[in-house]
Structure formats: C-alpha cells, structure tokens
C-alpha cells in the first residue's frame, strides 16, 4: 500500500496510522516483530527517515518496543479503565469502541463455601453458579475472571449465560436485576504457571487482582468476582466525582 503524497497530512503520520490500524486488525499481533525498516520502506514507498520517525513515535506511545539487536516488536496496548465503574467489562469495551471477546471456560453449580457465602449474604451450602471466563481484546487475553451467582436468586442462570456476551444483559433480561454500585479490593500478585498460560504472560508477571461484590439498587449483593489482569495491559483511573473547582458562596 502506497501513501498519499498529495495529502496535507505528513507521510510519517500516515504511516503511523496505518501501522496502528494493522495492529488493531490483528495483522501484527502482540509480541510479533515488525518487518525491518528497509522492508517497510518498500511496502509503503517511503524513505527510511519517514519510516524511522513513524516507528519512533509508536515506540514513544508504548505501542511498539525496540529490542537491541533483535528488532521492533508490538507491545500490549494499555486500556484505561475507571476503577470504580459499575458497568461490566463487556459494556466497558463496547463503550470504548472495541469488540468484546469473552470465552466461557467453565460453568459449575456448587455449594457455597463460607468465604463465598459471606459477601453474598447467603447461608453456606446455598447453591451457586461458578462462571470462569477469559476476556480478549484483539485476540489477546486481558482478564481471567471467576464469578459467583446465587442460584436461589437466579434459577436456571446456567442455561442463559451463554446467550449473551454480557452477563449483566442476561441478569437484566431474565431477572430484572441491574448493578447500582460495587465494592472492590485491589491487590497486585504474581502470575502462577496456570495464570501465565491463560493470560499469555510470563510466570511471575505482576497481575492486578480485583475482588468485587456487586449490589443492586436495594443494597443487596447479587454476585461476587475475582479478576486477574496483567498490570502492563490496563491503567486504572479514579474519578472522585468533582467536575470543576469548588466555589465558596
């Protein structure tokens, strides 16, 4: 693909945008090496100076990474996520213009142990549904999630859970339940062998561990979850709710 020499947009910016689009479309995947500068020059009909500037800006943006003596590689593009957001991960991705790619790994009906029953405010031994999922972005696993739902409140949930990419859509459609707020605990742990395999990262990679209990508008907890996310793939923000400077009356 040749760039548009007649465009008012500089060639290096055109090349930069094309490479970003190729990464988003999966032409170049996370961890994959980009073609050498000379090959990129031939592919796009530009000079080495133009190519080098486009690559340098992508490196500075954290999208590419140069490895001495090896070449330039695609890095995991960080998402920015509001830590105290109420919406689910699928809704969050949709709002940011990305396509949710959840993969259900398992659904298991079991009796709630005390550690699970307590935050859900149900008696130990109550039937619950354990849902394990991987959430992907651009075919890269981003979140390893384990969620618990009380089946006394959501009977037959396991039959509906695969019908939608969003469990919150299922809860609204079949049970008229929506999240009003949640409580989260954030820690950082090191990836085990199994977690590293699932999230395609190295053993010992720092992971955010987010333990969450979601509540409805009546203040009743309706599910709890534990999410593991590599720290180099997401940046969390906290909005205190203040939109501008306070004024004294």
C-alpha atoms as a PDB file:
ATOM      1  CA  UNK A   1       0.000   0.000   0.000  1.00  0.00           C
ATOM      2  CA  UNK A   2       1.463   3.347  -1.069  1.00  0.00           C
ATOM      3  CA  UNK A   3       0.876   6.507   0.925  1.00  0.00           C
ATOM      4  CA  UNK A   4      -0.816   9.625  -0.440  1.00  0.00           C
ATOM      5  CA  UNK A   5       1.879  12.115  -1.391  1.00  0.00           C
ATOM      6  CA  UNK A   6      -0.789  14.704  -2.298  1.00  0.00           C
ATOM      7  CA  UNK A   7      -2.284  14.689   1.196  1.00  0.00           C
ATOM      8  CA  UNK A   8      -1.678  17.586   3.575  1.00  0.00           C
ATOM      9  CA  UNK A   9      -1.017  15.016   6.291  1.00  0.00           C
ATOM     10  CA  UNK A  10       2.734  14.261   6.609  1.00  0.00           C
ATOM     11  CA  UNK A  11       3.815  10.845   5.329  1.00  0.00           C
ATOM     12  CA  UNK A  12       5.158   9.740   8.706  1.00  0.00           C
ATOM     13  CA  UNK A  13       1.733  10.370  10.298  1.00  0.00           C
ATOM     14  CA  UNK A  14       0.028   8.410   7.509  1.00  0.00           C
ATOM     15  CA  UNK A  15       2.416   5.508   8.067  1.00  0.00           C
ATOM     16  CA  UNK A  16       1.980   5.719  11.822  1.00  0.00           C
ATOM     17  CA  UNK A  17      -1.814   5.480  11.490  1.00  0.00           C
ATOM     18  CA  UNK A  18      -1.607   2.581   9.035  1.00  0.00           C
ATOM     19  CA  UNK A  19       0.640   0.571  11.361  1.00  0.00           C
ATOM     20  CA  UNK A  20      -1.711   1.269  14.300  1.00  0.00           C
ATOM     21  CA  UNK A  21      -4.694   0.133  12.222  1.00  0.00           C
ATOM     22  CA  UNK A  22      -2.830  -3.040  11.224  1.00  0.00           C
ATOM     23  CA  UNK A  23      -2.145  -3.778  14.900  1.00  0.00           C
ATOM     24  CA  UNK A  24      -5.807  -3.224  15.810  1.00  0.00           C
ATOM     25  CA  UNK A  25      -6.908  -5.515  12.960  1.00  0.00           C
ATOM     26  CA  UNK A  26      -4.503  -8.234  14.080  1.00  0.00           C
ATOM     27  CA  UNK A  27      -2.168  -8.008  11.089  1.00  0.00           C
ATOM     28  CA  UNK A  28       0.603  -7.563  13.643  1.00  0.00           C
ATOM     29  CA  UNK A  29      -0.153  -9.282  16.956  1.00  0.00           C
ATOM     30  CA  UNK A  30       1.199  -8.585  20.427  1.00  0.00           C
ATOM     31  CA  UNK A  31       4.754  -9.904  20.669  1.00  0.00           C
ATOM     32  CA  UNK A  32       5.165 -10.115  16.899  1.00  0.00           C
ATOM     33  CA  UNK A  33       8.157  -8.497  15.210  1.00  0.00           C
ATOM     34  CA  UNK A  34       7.542  -5.737  12.692  1.00  0.00           C
ATOM     35  CA  UNK A  35       9.222  -6.041   9.268  1.00  0.00           C
ATOM     36  CA  UNK A  36      12.669  -4.349   9.092  1.00  0.00           C
ATOM     37  CA  UNK A  37      12.805  -0.664   8.175  1.00  0.00           C
ATOM     38  CA  UNK A  38      14.002  -1.406   4.647  1.00  0.00           C
ATOM     39  CA  UNK A  39      11.079  -3.715   4.015  1.00  0.00           C
ATOM     40  CA  UNK A  40       8.602  -1.163   5.395  1.00  0.00           C
ATOM     41  CA  UNK A  41      10.112   1.469   3.081  1.00  0.00           C
ATOM     42  CA  UNK A  42       9.449  -0.766   0.083  1.00  0.00           C
ATOM     43  CA  UNK A  43       5.952  -1.729   1.256  1.00  0.00           C
ATOM     44  CA  UNK A  44       4.783   1.858   1.644  1.00  0.00           C
ATOM     45  CA  UNK A  45       7.036   3.688  -0.799  1.00  0.00           C
ATOM     46  CA  UNK A  46       8.614   5.998   1.746  1.00  0.00           C
ATOM     47  CA  UNK A  47      12.121   6.923   2.866  1.00  0.00           C
ATOM     48  CA  UNK A  48      13.965   5.499   5.852  1.00  0.00           C
ATOM     49  CA  UNK A  49      13.687   8.881   7.592  1.00  0.00           C
ATOM     50  CA  UNK A  50       9.871   8.760   7.277  1.00  0.00           C
ATOM     51  CA  UNK A  51       9.722   5.151   8.433  1.00  0.00           C
ATOM     52  CA  UNK A  52      12.059   5.747  11.353  1.00  0.00           C
ATOM     53  CA  UNK A  53      10.039   8.743  12.583  1.00  0.00           C
ATOM     54  CA  UNK A  54       6.752   6.821  12.433  1.00  0.00           C
ATOM     55  CA  UNK A  55       8.285   3.889  14.309  1.00  0.00           C
ATOM     56  CA  UNK A  56       9.887   6.179  16.899  1.00  0.00           C
ATOM     57  CA  UNK A  57       6.557   7.861  17.696  1.00  0.00           C
ATOM     58  CA  UNK A  58       4.855   4.468  18.051  1.00  0.00           C
ATOM     59  CA  UNK A  59       7.645   3.391  20.412  1.00  0.00           C
ATOM     60  CA  UNK A  60       7.200   6.569  22.458  1.00  0.00           C
ATOM     61  CA  UNK A  61       3.449   5.872  22.619  1.00  0.00           C
ATOM     62  CA  UNK A  62       4.156   2.410  24.035  1.00  0.00           C
ATOM     63  CA  UNK A  63       2.633   0.630  21.041  1.00  0.00           C
ATOM     64  CA  UNK A  64       5.962  -0.695  19.757  1.00  0.00           C
ATOM     65  CA  UNK A  65       9.146  -1.666  21.563  1.00  0.00           C
ATOM     66  CA  UNK A  66      12.684  -1.743  20.197  1.00  0.00           C
ATOM     67  CA  UNK A  67      14.860  -4.611  21.371  1.00  0.00           C
ATOM     68  CA  UNK A  68      18.568  -4.077  20.860  1.00  0.00           C
ATOM     69  CA  UNK A  69      19.966  -6.403  18.217  1.00  0.00           C
ATOM     70  CA  UNK A  70      16.578  -8.065  17.603  1.00  0.00           C
ATOM     71  CA  UNK A  71      14.199  -5.560  16.040  1.00  0.00           C
ATOM     72  CA  UNK A  72      10.908  -3.800  16.778  1.00  0.00           C
ATOM     73  CA  UNK A  73       8.015  -5.655  18.388  1.00  0.00           C
ATOM     74  CA  UNK A  74       4.335  -4.989  19.087  1.00  0.00           C
ATOM     75  CA  UNK A  75       3.594  -4.422  22.745  1.00  0.00           C
ATOM     76  CA  UNK A  76       0.302  -4.855  24.568  1.00  0.00           C
ATOM     77  CA  UNK A  77      -1.691  -1.635  24.122  1.00  0.00           C
ATOM     78  CA  UNK A  78      -2.901  -0.438  27.528  1.00  0.00           C
ATOM     79  CA  UNK A  79      -6.584   0.141  28.133  1.00  0.00           C
ATOM     80  CA  UNK A  80      -7.699   2.851  30.541  1.00  0.00           C
ATOM     81  CA  UNK A  81     -10.434   1.704  32.903  1.00  0.00           C
ATOM     82  CA  UNK A  82     -12.269   3.568  35.656  1.00  0.00           C
ATOM     83  CA  UNK A  83     -11.613   1.501  38.792  1.00  0.00           C
ATOM     84  CA  UNK A  84     -14.931   2.292  40.465  1.00  0.00           C
ATOM     85  CA  UNK A  85     -17.038   1.854  37.314  1.00  0.00           C
ATOM     86  CA  UNK A  86     -20.264  -0.066  37.821  1.00  0.00           C
ATOM     87  CA  UNK A  87     -20.633  -1.441  34.296  1.00  0.00           C
ATOM     88  CA  UNK A  88     -19.306  -4.843  33.332  1.00  0.00           C
ATOM     89  CA  UNK A  89     -16.210  -5.463  31.258  1.00  0.00           C
ATOM     90  CA  UNK A  90     -18.154  -6.197  28.061  1.00  0.00           C
ATOM     91  CA  UNK A  91     -20.090  -2.940  28.389  1.00  0.00           C
ATOM     92  CA  UNK A  92     -16.849  -1.065  29.028  1.00  0.00           C
ATOM     93  CA  UNK A  93     -15.227  -2.422  25.860  1.00  0.00           C
ATOM     94  CA  UNK A  94     -18.299  -1.606  23.788  1.00  0.00           C
ATOM     95  CA  UNK A  95     -18.277   1.990  25.060  1.00  0.00           C
ATOM     96  CA  UNK A  96     -14.616   2.366  24.050  1.00  0.00           C
ATOM     97  CA  UNK A  97     -15.370   1.145  20.526  1.00  0.00           C
ATOM     98  CA  UNK A  98     -13.806  -2.282  20.936  1.00  0.00           C
ATOM     99  CA  UNK A  99     -15.488  -5.632  20.332  1.00  0.00           C
ATOM    100  CA  UNK A 100     -15.845  -7.794  23.462  1.00  0.00           C
ATOM    101  CA  UNK A 101     -14.446 -11.295  23.007  1.00  0.00           C
ATOM    102  CA  UNK A 102     -15.417 -13.287  26.118  1.00  0.00           C
ATOM    103  CA  UNK A 103     -14.701 -17.009  26.222  1.00  0.00           C
ATOM    104  CA  UNK A 104     -16.538 -19.121  28.776  1.00  0.00           C
ATOM    105  CA  UNK A 105     -14.080 -21.650  30.173  1.00  0.00           C
ATOM    106  CA  UNK A 106     -16.457 -23.385  32.586  1.00  0.00           C
ATOM    107  CA  UNK A 107     -19.806 -23.135  34.368  1.00  0.00           C
ATOM    108  CA  UNK A 108     -20.131 -25.162  37.561  1.00  0.00           C
ATOM    109  CA  UNK A 109     -23.003 -25.499  40.035  1.00  0.00           C
ATOM    110  CA  UNK A 110     -21.703 -25.966  43.565  1.00  0.00           C
ATOM    111  CA  UNK A 111     -22.483 -25.340  47.216  1.00  0.00           C
ATOM    112  CA  UNK A 112     -21.190 -22.018  48.508  1.00  0.00           C
ATOM    113  CA  UNK A 113     -18.339 -22.182  50.953  1.00  0.00           C
ATOM    114  CA  UNK A 114     -18.298 -19.644  53.762  1.00  0.00           C
ATOM    115  CA  UNK A 115     -15.727 -17.403  52.013  1.00  0.00           C
ATOM    116  CA  UNK A 116     -18.118 -17.039  49.070  1.00  0.00           C
ATOM    117  CA  UNK A 117     -21.378 -17.081  51.010  1.00  0.00           C
ATOM    118  CA  UNK A 118     -20.416 -14.269  53.416  1.00  0.00           C
ATOM    119  CA  UNK A 119     -20.023 -11.419  50.880  1.00  0.00           C
ATOM    120  CA  UNK A 120     -23.139 -12.623  49.025  1.00  0.00           C
ATOM    121  CA  UNK A 121     -25.084 -12.663  52.321  1.00  0.00           C
ATOM    122  CA  UNK A 122     -26.344 -16.214  51.786  1.00  0.00           C
ATOM    123  CA  UNK A 123     -26.093 -19.267  54.071  1.00  0.00           C
ATOM    124  CA  UNK A 124     -23.113 -21.559  53.463  1.00  0.00           C
ATOM    125  CA  UNK A 125     -24.205 -24.527  51.358  1.00  0.00           C
ATOM    126  CA  UNK A 126     -26.511 -22.419  49.160  1.00  0.00           C
ATOM    127  CA  UNK A 127     -26.394 -23.448  45.508  1.00  0.00           C
ATOM    128  CA  UNK A 128     -24.302 -21.055  43.423  1.00  0.00           C
ATOM    129  CA  UNK A 129     -23.102 -20.870  39.850  1.00  0.00           C
ATOM    130  CA  UNK A 130     -19.361 -20.504  39.339  1.00  0.00           C
ATOM    131  CA  UNK A 131     -18.528 -18.930  35.979  1.00  0.00           C
ATOM    132  CA  UNK A 132     -14.956 -18.808  34.684  1.00  0.00           C
ATOM    133  CA  UNK A 133     -14.210 -16.631  31.640  1.00  0.00           C
ATOM    134  CA  UNK A 134     -11.368 -15.138  29.666  1.00  0.00           C
ATOM    135  CA  UNK A 135     -11.941 -11.708  28.136  1.00  0.00           C
ATOM    136  CA  UNK A 136      -9.968 -10.979  24.966  1.00  0.00           C
ATOM    137  CA  UNK A 137      -9.156  -7.723  23.182  1.00  0.00           C
ATOM    138  CA  UNK A 138      -7.815  -8.072  19.633  1.00  0.00           C
ATOM    139  CA  UNK A 139      -7.373 -11.803  20.309  1.00  0.00           C
ATOM    140  CA  UNK A 140      -5.136 -11.076  23.311  1.00  0.00           C
ATOM    141  CA  UNK A 141      -6.364 -12.358  26.722  1.00  0.00           C
ATOM    142  CA  UNK A 142      -6.822  -9.411  29.058  1.00  0.00           C
ATOM    143  CA  UNK A 143      -8.894 -10.619  32.029  1.00  0.00           C
ATOM    144  CA  UNK A 144      -9.150 -14.015  33.744  1.00  0.00           C
ATOM    145  CA  UNK A 145     -12.381 -13.861  35.707  1.00  0.00           C
ATOM    146  CA  UNK A 146     -14.125 -16.112  38.233  1.00  0.00           C
ATOM    147  CA  UNK A 147     -17.687 -15.047  39.152  1.00  0.00           C
ATOM    148  CA  UNK A 148     -20.227 -16.435  41.629  1.00  0.00           C
ATOM    149  CA  UNK A 149     -24.024 -16.056  41.384  1.00  0.00           C
ATOM    150  CA  UNK A 150     -26.593 -17.332  43.956  1.00  0.00           C
ATOM    151  CA  UNK A 151     -28.970 -19.669  42.126  1.00  0.00           C
ATOM    152  CA  UNK A 152     -31.698 -19.049  44.717  1.00  0.00           C
ATOM    153  CA  UNK A 153     -31.985 -15.606  43.144  1.00  0.00           C
ATOM    154  CA  UNK A 154     -31.071 -16.593  39.587  1.00  0.00           C
ATOM    155  CA  UNK A 155     -32.589 -20.023  38.907  1.00  0.00           C
ATOM    156  CA  UNK A 156     -31.501 -21.643  35.621  1.00  0.00           C
ATOM    157  CA  UNK A 157     -28.884 -18.930  35.066  1.00  0.00           C
ATOM    158  CA  UNK A 158     -26.528 -21.512  33.596  1.00  0.00           C
ATOM    159  CA  UNK A 159     -28.991 -22.021  30.722  1.00  0.00           C
ATOM    160  CA  UNK A 160     -28.985 -18.339  29.779  1.00  0.00           C
ATOM    161  CA  UNK A 161     -25.388 -17.364  30.443  1.00  0.00           C
ATOM    162  CA  UNK A 162     -24.065 -18.327  27.001  1.00  0.00           C
ATOM    163  CA  UNK A 163     -26.779 -16.420  25.132  1.00  0.00           C
ATOM    164  CA  UNK A 164     -25.109 -13.044  25.568  1.00  0.00           C
ATOM    165  CA  UNK A 165     -21.576 -11.697  25.684  1.00  0.00           C
ATOM    166  CA  UNK A 166     -22.634  -9.737  28.774  1.00  0.00           C
ATOM    167  CA  UNK A 167     -23.879 -11.435  31.938  1.00  0.00           C
ATOM    168  CA  UNK A 168     -25.332  -8.103  33.057  1.00  0.00           C
ATOM    169  CA  UNK A 169     -27.567  -8.139  29.964  1.00  0.00           C
ATOM    170  CA  UNK A 170     -28.726 -11.631  30.955  1.00  0.00           C
ATOM    171  CA  UNK A 171     -29.462 -10.543  34.536  1.00  0.00           C
ATOM    172  CA  UNK A 172     -31.477  -7.560  33.283  1.00  0.00           C
ATOM    173  CA  UNK A 173     -33.402  -9.520  30.641  1.00  0.00           C
ATOM    174  CA  UNK A 174     -34.365 -12.598  32.667  1.00  0.00           C
ATOM    175  CA  UNK A 175     -34.249 -11.420  36.294  1.00  0.00           C
ATOM    176  CA  UNK A 176     -34.744  -7.623  36.107  1.00  0.00           C
ATOM    177  CA  UNK A 177     -31.560  -7.004  38.094  1.00  0.00           C
ATOM    178  CA  UNK A 178     -29.128  -4.186  37.368  1.00  0.00           C
ATOM    179  CA  UNK A 179     -25.964  -3.101  39.221  1.00  0.00           C
ATOM    180  CA  UNK A 180     -26.214   0.075  41.276  1.00  0.00           C
ATOM    181  CA  UNK A 181     -22.782   0.100  42.916  1.00  0.00           C
ATOM    182  CA  UNK A 182     -19.966  -2.236  43.870  1.00  0.00           C
ATOM    183  CA  UNK A 183     -17.206  -2.694  46.395  1.00  0.00           C
ATOM    184  CA  UNK A 184     -13.744  -3.545  45.064  1.00  0.00           C
ATOM    185  CA  UNK A 185     -10.463  -4.559  46.629  1.00  0.00           C
ATOM    186  CA  UNK A 186      -7.341  -4.112  44.514  1.00  0.00           C
ATOM    187  CA  UNK A 187      -4.111  -6.015  45.113  1.00  0.00           C
ATOM    188  CA  UNK A 188      -1.120  -6.990  42.991  1.00  0.00           C
ATOM    189  CA  UNK A 189       0.005 -10.615  42.858  1.00  0.00           C
ATOM    190  CA  UNK A 190       2.491 -12.577  40.763  1.00  0.00           C
ATOM    191  CA  UNK A 191       1.222 -14.848  37.980  1.00  0.00           C
ATOM    192  CA  UNK A 192       1.377 -18.583  38.670  1.00  0.00           C
ATOM    193  CA  UNK A 193       2.176 -21.101  35.947  1.00  0.00           C
ATOM    194  CA  UNK A 194      -1.519 -21.702  35.199  1.00  0.00           C
ATOM    195  CA  UNK A 195      -2.393 -17.987  35.218  1.00  0.00           C
ATOM    196  CA  UNK A 196       0.568 -17.160  32.986  1.00  0.00           C
ATOM    197  CA  UNK A 197      -0.573 -19.770  30.466  1.00  0.00           C
ATOM    198  CA  UNK A 198      -4.134 -18.418  30.403  1.00  0.00           C
ATOM    199  CA  UNK A 199      -3.091 -14.764  30.110  1.00  0.00           C
ATOM    200  CA  UNK A 200      -0.111 -15.421  27.808  1.00  0.00           C
ATOM    201  CA  UNK A 201       2.383 -13.771  30.095  1.00  0.00           C
ATOM    202  CA  UNK A 202       5.492 -14.883  31.959  1.00  0.00           C
ATOM    203  CA  UNK A 203       5.391 -16.677  35.308  1.00  0.00           C
ATOM    204  CA  UNK A 204       5.824 -14.013  37.979  1.00  0.00           C
ATOM    205  CA  UNK A 205       4.311 -11.222  35.860  1.00  0.00           C
ATOM    206  CA  UNK A 206       2.544  -8.686  38.137  1.00  0.00           C
ATOM    207  CA  UNK A 207      -1.243  -9.062  37.951  1.00  0.00           C
ATOM    208  CA  UNK A 208      -3.968  -6.829  39.295  1.00  0.00           C
ATOM    209  CA  UNK A 209      -6.266  -8.912  41.497  1.00  0.00           C
ATOM    210  CA  UNK A 210      -9.658  -7.234  41.764  1.00  0.00           C
ATOM    211  CA  UNK A 211     -12.141  -8.752  44.196  1.00  0.00           C
ATOM    212  CA  UNK A 212     -15.599  -7.298  43.662  1.00  0.00           C
ATOM    213  CA  UNK A 213     -19.070  -7.565  45.173  1.00  0.00           C
ATOM    214  CA  UNK A 214     -21.868  -6.025  43.073  1.00  0.00           C
ATOM    215  CA  UNK A 215     -25.054  -4.633  44.651  1.00  0.00           C
ATOM    216  CA  UNK A 216     -28.487  -3.826  43.263  1.00  0.00           C
ATOM    217  CA  UNK A 217     -30.424  -0.610  43.924  1.00  0.00           C
ATOM    218  CA  UNK A 218     -31.866  -2.108  47.132  1.00  0.00           C
ATOM    219  CA  UNK A 219     -28.379  -2.702  48.506  1.00  0.00           C
ATOM    220  CA  UNK A 220     -28.485  -6.492  48.086  1.00  0.00           C
ATOM    221  CA  UNK A 221     -25.334  -8.228  46.781  1.00  0.00           C
ATOM    222  CA  UNK A 222     -26.083 -10.285  43.692  1.00  0.00           C
ATOM    223  CA  UNK A 223     -22.664 -11.536  42.588  1.00  0.00           C
ATOM    224  CA  UNK A 224     -19.035 -11.599  43.600  1.00  0.00           C
ATOM    225  CA  UNK A 225     -15.978 -11.990  41.399  1.00  0.00           C
ATOM    226  CA  UNK A 226     -12.210 -12.172  41.237  1.00  0.00           C
ATOM    227  CA  UNK A 227     -10.470 -10.752  38.152  1.00  0.00           C
ATOM    228  CA  UNK A 228      -6.790 -11.098  37.246  1.00  0.00           C
ATOM    229  CA  UNK A 229      -5.292  -8.595  34.759  1.00  0.00           C
ATOM    230  CA  UNK A 230      -1.633  -8.126  33.736  1.00  0.00           C
ATOM    231  CA  UNK A 231      -0.593  -4.711  35.035  1.00  0.00           C
ATOM    232  CA  UNK A 232       1.061  -3.775  31.728  1.00  0.00           C
ATOM    233  CA  UNK A 233      -2.240  -4.061  29.835  1.00  0.00           C
ATOM    234  CA  UNK A 234      -4.571  -1.779  31.834  1.00  0.00           C
ATOM    235  CA  UNK A 235      -4.244   1.582  33.568  1.00  0.00           C
ATOM    236  CA  UNK A 236      -6.843   2.236  36.270  1.00  0.00           C
ATOM    237  CA  UNK A 237      -8.160   5.720  36.984  1.00  0.00           C
ATOM    238  CA  UNK A 238     -10.240   7.005  39.886  1.00  0.00           C
ATOM    239  CA  UNK A 239     -12.839   9.737  39.354  1.00  0.00           C
ATOM    240  CA  UNK A 240     -13.817  11.396  42.613  1.00  0.00           C
ATOM    241  CA  UNK A 241     -16.873  12.959  41.006  1.00  0.00           C
ATOM    242  CA  UNK A 242     -15.703  16.586  41.155  1.00  0.00           C
ATOM    243  CA  UNK A 243     -16.075  18.112  37.673  1.00  0.00           C
ATOM    244  CA  UNK A 244     -14.645  21.542  38.346  1.00  0.00           C
ATOM    245  CA  UNK A 245     -13.284  23.901  41.005  1.00  0.00           C
ATOM    246  CA  UNK A 246     -15.450  24.354  44.045  1.00  0.00           C
ATOM    247  CA  UNK A 247     -16.831  27.821  44.685  1.00  0.00           C
ATOM    248  CA  UNK A 248     -17.476  29.412  48.034  1.00  0.00           C
ATOM    249  CA  UNK A 249     -20.864  31.106  48.241  1.00  0.00           C
END
